[in-house]
């Protein structure tokens, strides 16, 4: 999609009927996708929230799923467990919109921070999270397995608290 084209974004909470859709987005976004069963369990987990971003180009067609985010309420913070945007829709603000929705939810819950881990080699994602105020907390060696890679743990304080 051209960057100068106008569109609207909608965000909807996923339910069990959306598991196949989230799975398809997951498969495109990650070299180590979660299983359909894991996605279904997460959608139904009471301390998790899965949001789907829908892109509406105003052409009269139904809005198309463009990305998703999986969040966990840990009781102290909210963790971004997964976030993915379709390759054709990257750099349009969809990821930023999803992270902003995560921040909104964390604020509603009065959680002190938003946390995540990202592959060390994913420099684009790390730079993106830096623009959203995330800071690197530490490196977890050999955290990812397919392929084997370190994880960069990042967080942003959002509700006047400290994560530790």
C-alpha atoms as a PDB file:
ATOM      1  CA  UNK A   1       0.000   0.000   0.000  1.00  0.00           C
ATOM      2  CA  UNK A   2       1.413   3.417  -0.862  1.00  0.00           C
ATOM      3  CA  UNK A   3       2.311   5.508   2.167  1.00  0.00           C
ATOM      4  CA  UNK A   4       0.315   8.504   0.983  1.00  0.00           C
ATOM      5  CA  UNK A   5      -2.933   6.540   0.708  1.00  0.00           C
ATOM      6  CA  UNK A   6      -5.563   7.334   3.340  1.00  0.00           C
ATOM      7  CA  UNK A   7      -6.907   4.618   5.624  1.00  0.00           C
ATOM      8  CA  UNK A   8      -8.580   4.078   8.967  1.00  0.00           C
ATOM      9  CA  UNK A   9      -7.461   1.665  11.662  1.00  0.00           C
ATOM     10  CA  UNK A  10      -9.831  -0.254  13.889  1.00  0.00           C
ATOM     11  CA  UNK A  11      -8.802  -2.395  16.841  1.00  0.00           C
ATOM     12  CA  UNK A  12     -10.910  -5.311  18.034  1.00  0.00           C
ATOM     13  CA  UNK A  13     -10.440  -7.825  20.816  1.00  0.00           C
ATOM     14  CA  UNK A  14     -10.002 -11.304  19.415  1.00  0.00           C
ATOM     15  CA  UNK A  15     -12.309 -14.112  20.429  1.00  0.00           C
ATOM     16  CA  UNK A  16     -12.084 -17.846  19.808  1.00  0.00           C
ATOM     17  CA  UNK A  17     -13.543 -17.427  16.309  1.00  0.00           C
ATOM     18  CA  UNK A  18     -10.516 -15.261  15.428  1.00  0.00           C
ATOM     19  CA  UNK A  19      -7.893 -17.878  16.358  1.00  0.00           C
ATOM     20  CA  UNK A  20      -7.300 -18.976  12.731  1.00  0.00           C
ATOM     21  CA  UNK A  21      -6.858 -15.347  11.666  1.00  0.00           C
ATOM     22  CA  UNK A  22      -4.391 -14.611  14.478  1.00  0.00           C
ATOM     23  CA  UNK A  23      -2.545 -17.830  13.609  1.00  0.00           C
ATOM     24  CA  UNK A  24      -2.195 -16.725   9.959  1.00  0.00           C
ATOM     25  CA  UNK A  25      -0.839 -13.329  11.068  1.00  0.00           C
ATOM     26  CA  UNK A  26       1.499 -15.086  13.526  1.00  0.00           C
ATOM     27  CA  UNK A  27       2.858 -17.388  10.818  1.00  0.00           C
ATOM     28  CA  UNK A  28       3.707 -14.433   8.583  1.00  0.00           C
ATOM     29  CA  UNK A  29       5.338 -12.460  11.391  1.00  0.00           C
ATOM     30  CA  UNK A  30       7.500 -15.032  13.186  1.00  0.00           C
ATOM     31  CA  UNK A  31      10.025 -17.747  12.294  1.00  0.00           C
ATOM     32  CA  UNK A  32       8.796 -19.664  15.376  1.00  0.00           C
ATOM     33  CA  UNK A  33       5.006 -19.207  15.328  1.00  0.00           C
ATOM     34  CA  UNK A  34       2.819 -20.255  18.215  1.00  0.00           C
ATOM     35  CA  UNK A  35       0.523 -23.195  17.551  1.00  0.00           C
ATOM     36  CA  UNK A  36      -3.161 -22.682  16.831  1.00  0.00           C
ATOM     37  CA  UNK A  37      -3.886 -24.390  20.141  1.00  0.00           C
ATOM     38  CA  UNK A  38      -1.624 -21.958  22.034  1.00  0.00           C
ATOM     39  CA  UNK A  39      -3.275 -18.987  20.355  1.00  0.00           C
ATOM     40  CA  UNK A  40      -6.752 -20.280  21.220  1.00  0.00           C
ATOM     41  CA  UNK A  41      -5.727 -20.849  24.857  1.00  0.00           C
ATOM     42  CA  UNK A  42      -4.250 -17.346  25.049  1.00  0.00           C
ATOM     43  CA  UNK A  43      -7.367 -15.732  23.597  1.00  0.00           C
ATOM     44  CA  UNK A  44      -9.400 -17.454  26.324  1.00  0.00           C
ATOM     45  CA  UNK A  45      -6.955 -16.731  29.176  1.00  0.00           C
ATOM     46  CA  UNK A  46      -8.444 -14.244  31.612  1.00  0.00           C
ATOM     47  CA  UNK A  47      -5.174 -12.343  32.184  1.00  0.00           C
ATOM     48  CA  UNK A  48      -4.438 -11.920  28.478  1.00  0.00           C
ATOM     49  CA  UNK A  49      -5.746  -9.678  25.741  1.00  0.00           C
ATOM     50  CA  UNK A  50      -5.333 -10.242  22.016  1.00  0.00           C
ATOM     51  CA  UNK A  51      -6.098  -7.305  19.745  1.00  0.00           C
ATOM     52  CA  UNK A  52      -6.376  -7.371  15.970  1.00  0.00           C
ATOM     53  CA  UNK A  53      -5.731  -4.238  13.915  1.00  0.00           C
ATOM     54  CA  UNK A  54      -7.989  -3.886  10.881  1.00  0.00           C
ATOM     55  CA  UNK A  55      -7.114  -1.614   7.995  1.00  0.00           C
ATOM     56  CA  UNK A  56      -9.998   0.079   6.200  1.00  0.00           C
ATOM     57  CA  UNK A  57      -8.991   1.780   2.976  1.00  0.00           C
ATOM     58  CA  UNK A  58     -12.420   3.354   2.510  1.00  0.00           C
ATOM     59  CA  UNK A  59     -12.974   1.502  -0.761  1.00  0.00           C
ATOM     60  CA  UNK A  60     -16.253  -0.013   0.435  1.00  0.00           C
ATOM     61  CA  UNK A  61     -14.585  -3.361   1.007  1.00  0.00           C
ATOM     62  CA  UNK A  62     -14.504  -4.993   4.409  1.00  0.00           C
ATOM     63  CA  UNK A  63     -11.595  -3.947   6.620  1.00  0.00           C
ATOM     64  CA  UNK A  64      -8.624  -6.300   6.308  1.00  0.00           C
ATOM     65  CA  UNK A  65      -6.689  -7.721   9.258  1.00  0.00           C
ATOM     66  CA  UNK A  66      -3.272  -6.055   9.185  1.00  0.00           C
ATOM     67  CA  UNK A  67      -1.681  -6.933  12.532  1.00  0.00           C
ATOM     68  CA  UNK A  68      -2.128  -8.199  16.054  1.00  0.00           C
ATOM     69  CA  UNK A  69      -0.778  -7.942  19.576  1.00  0.00           C
ATOM     70  CA  UNK A  70      -0.898 -10.406  22.472  1.00  0.00           C
ATOM     71  CA  UNK A  71      -0.679  -8.899  25.950  1.00  0.00           C
ATOM     72  CA  UNK A  72      -0.396 -10.458  29.406  1.00  0.00           C
ATOM     73  CA  UNK A  73      -1.311  -8.736  32.651  1.00  0.00           C
ATOM     74  CA  UNK A  74       1.333  -9.953  35.111  1.00  0.00           C
ATOM     75  CA  UNK A  75      -0.198  -8.064  38.021  1.00  0.00           C
ATOM     76  CA  UNK A  76       2.685  -5.571  38.111  1.00  0.00           C
ATOM     77  CA  UNK A  77       3.097  -4.730  34.440  1.00  0.00           C
ATOM     78  CA  UNK A  78       1.737  -5.644  31.039  1.00  0.00           C
ATOM     79  CA  UNK A  79       3.929  -7.802  28.823  1.00  0.00           C
ATOM     80  CA  UNK A  80       3.820  -7.686  25.034  1.00  0.00           C
ATOM     81  CA  UNK A  81       4.128 -11.395  24.307  1.00  0.00           C
ATOM     82  CA  UNK A  82       3.654 -11.092  20.536  1.00  0.00           C
ATOM     83  CA  UNK A  83       3.171  -8.294  18.058  1.00  0.00           C
ATOM     84  CA  UNK A  84       3.110  -8.639  14.303  1.00  0.00           C
ATOM     85  CA  UNK A  85       2.112  -6.632  11.257  1.00  0.00           C
ATOM     86  CA  UNK A  86       1.622  -8.050   7.773  1.00  0.00           C
ATOM     87  CA  UNK A  87       4.641  -7.317   5.599  1.00  0.00           C
ATOM     88  CA  UNK A  88       2.499  -5.446   3.053  1.00  0.00           C
ATOM     89  CA  UNK A  89       1.254  -3.090   5.784  1.00  0.00           C
ATOM     90  CA  UNK A  90       4.460  -2.296   7.669  1.00  0.00           C
ATOM     91  CA  UNK A  91       5.624   1.291   8.236  1.00  0.00           C
ATOM     92  CA  UNK A  92       2.062   2.615   8.170  1.00  0.00           C
ATOM     93  CA  UNK A  93       1.683   3.163  11.927  1.00  0.00           C
ATOM     94  CA  UNK A  94      -0.096  -0.107  12.657  1.00  0.00           C
ATOM     95  CA  UNK A  95       2.557  -1.338  15.094  1.00  0.00           C
ATOM     96  CA  UNK A  96       2.566   2.055  16.815  1.00  0.00           C
ATOM     97  CA  UNK A  97      -1.225   1.893  17.083  1.00  0.00           C
ATOM     98  CA  UNK A  98      -1.046  -1.587  18.625  1.00  0.00           C
ATOM     99  CA  UNK A  99       1.589  -0.505  21.176  1.00  0.00           C
ATOM    100  CA  UNK A 100      -0.500   2.558  22.027  1.00  0.00           C
ATOM    101  CA  UNK A 101      -3.481   0.247  22.685  1.00  0.00           C
ATOM    102  CA  UNK A 102      -1.224  -1.807  24.988  1.00  0.00           C
ATOM    103  CA  UNK A 103      -0.269   1.366  26.865  1.00  0.00           C
ATOM    104  CA  UNK A 104      -3.962   2.288  27.199  1.00  0.00           C
ATOM    105  CA  UNK A 105      -4.760  -1.133  28.668  1.00  0.00           C
ATOM    106  CA  UNK A 106      -1.813  -0.970  31.067  1.00  0.00           C
ATOM    107  CA  UNK A 107      -2.973   2.475  32.220  1.00  0.00           C
ATOM    108  CA  UNK A 108      -6.534   1.192  32.731  1.00  0.00           C
ATOM    109  CA  UNK A 109      -5.101  -1.592  34.910  1.00  0.00           C
ATOM    110  CA  UNK A 110      -2.790   0.900  36.691  1.00  0.00           C
ATOM    111  CA  UNK A 111       0.270  -1.177  35.793  1.00  0.00           C
ATOM    112  CA  UNK A 112       3.643   0.497  36.105  1.00  0.00           C
ATOM    113  CA  UNK A 113       5.249  -0.601  32.860  1.00  0.00           C
ATOM    114  CA  UNK A 114       4.991  -2.266  29.505  1.00  0.00           C
ATOM    115  CA  UNK A 115       7.605  -4.978  28.907  1.00  0.00           C
ATOM    116  CA  UNK A 116       8.702  -7.093  25.945  1.00  0.00           C
ATOM    117  CA  UNK A 117      11.488  -9.165  24.503  1.00  0.00           C
ATOM    118  CA  UNK A 118      12.768  -8.917  20.952  1.00  0.00           C
ATOM    119  CA  UNK A 119      15.377 -10.813  18.956  1.00  0.00           C
ATOM    120  CA  UNK A 120      18.775  -9.120  19.241  1.00  0.00           C
ATOM    121  CA  UNK A 121      19.155  -9.151  15.454  1.00  0.00           C
ATOM    122  CA  UNK A 122      15.849  -7.355  14.902  1.00  0.00           C
ATOM    123  CA  UNK A 123      17.409  -3.904  14.817  1.00  0.00           C
ATOM    124  CA  UNK A 124      14.378  -2.337  13.136  1.00  0.00           C
ATOM    125  CA  UNK A 125      12.072  -3.455  15.947  1.00  0.00           C
ATOM    126  CA  UNK A 126      14.530  -2.325  18.629  1.00  0.00           C
ATOM    127  CA  UNK A 127      14.778   1.111  16.978  1.00  0.00           C
ATOM    128  CA  UNK A 128      10.967   1.281  16.749  1.00  0.00           C
ATOM    129  CA  UNK A 129      10.560   0.457  20.444  1.00  0.00           C
ATOM    130  CA  UNK A 130      13.165   3.110  21.304  1.00  0.00           C
ATOM    131  CA  UNK A 131      11.026   5.714  19.503  1.00  0.00           C
ATOM    132  CA  UNK A 132       8.122   4.622  21.736  1.00  0.00           C
ATOM    133  CA  UNK A 133      10.196   5.280  24.869  1.00  0.00           C
ATOM    134  CA  UNK A 134      11.306   1.712  25.608  1.00  0.00           C
ATOM    135  CA  UNK A 135      14.743   1.220  27.146  1.00  0.00           C
ATOM    136  CA  UNK A 136      16.928  -1.894  27.111  1.00  0.00           C
ATOM    137  CA  UNK A 137      16.883  -3.632  30.501  1.00  0.00           C
ATOM    138  CA  UNK A 138      19.129  -6.610  29.776  1.00  0.00           C
ATOM    139  CA  UNK A 139      20.107  -9.306  27.297  1.00  0.00           C
ATOM    140  CA  UNK A 140      18.933 -12.894  27.784  1.00  0.00           C
ATOM    141  CA  UNK A 141      21.489 -15.192  26.111  1.00  0.00           C
ATOM    142  CA  UNK A 142      20.246 -17.846  23.664  1.00  0.00           C
ATOM    143  CA  UNK A 143      16.622 -17.192  24.593  1.00  0.00           C
ATOM    144  CA  UNK A 144      15.210 -17.927  21.132  1.00  0.00           C
ATOM    145  CA  UNK A 145      15.685 -21.352  19.576  1.00  0.00           C
ATOM    146  CA  UNK A 146      14.508 -21.183  15.943  1.00  0.00           C
ATOM    147  CA  UNK A 147      16.992 -19.820  15.074  1.00  0.00           C
ATOM    148  CA  UNK A 148      19.074 -19.584  18.237  1.00  0.00           C
ATOM    149  CA  UNK A 149      19.463 -15.942  19.206  1.00  0.00           C
ATOM    150  CA  UNK A 150      19.713 -13.640  22.215  1.00  0.00           C
ATOM    151  CA  UNK A 151      16.680 -11.706  23.447  1.00  0.00           C
ATOM    152  CA  UNK A 152      16.768  -8.011  24.254  1.00  0.00           C
ATOM    153  CA  UNK A 153      14.448  -7.288  27.184  1.00  0.00           C
ATOM    154  CA  UNK A 154      12.945  -3.811  27.025  1.00  0.00           C
ATOM    155  CA  UNK A 155      10.466  -1.802  29.058  1.00  0.00           C
ATOM    156  CA  UNK A 156       8.836   1.581  29.337  1.00  0.00           C
ATOM    157  CA  UNK A 157       7.446   3.024  32.569  1.00  0.00           C
ATOM    158  CA  UNK A 158       3.920   4.212  31.958  1.00  0.00           C
ATOM    159  CA  UNK A 159       2.084   4.650  35.220  1.00  0.00           C
ATOM    160  CA  UNK A 160       4.484   6.483  37.498  1.00  0.00           C
ATOM    161  CA  UNK A 161       6.014   3.344  38.910  1.00  0.00           C
ATOM    162  CA  UNK A 162       9.177   1.327  38.621  1.00  0.00           C
ATOM    163  CA  UNK A 163       9.279  -2.175  37.210  1.00  0.00           C
ATOM    164  CA  UNK A 164      11.634  -3.467  39.913  1.00  0.00           C
END
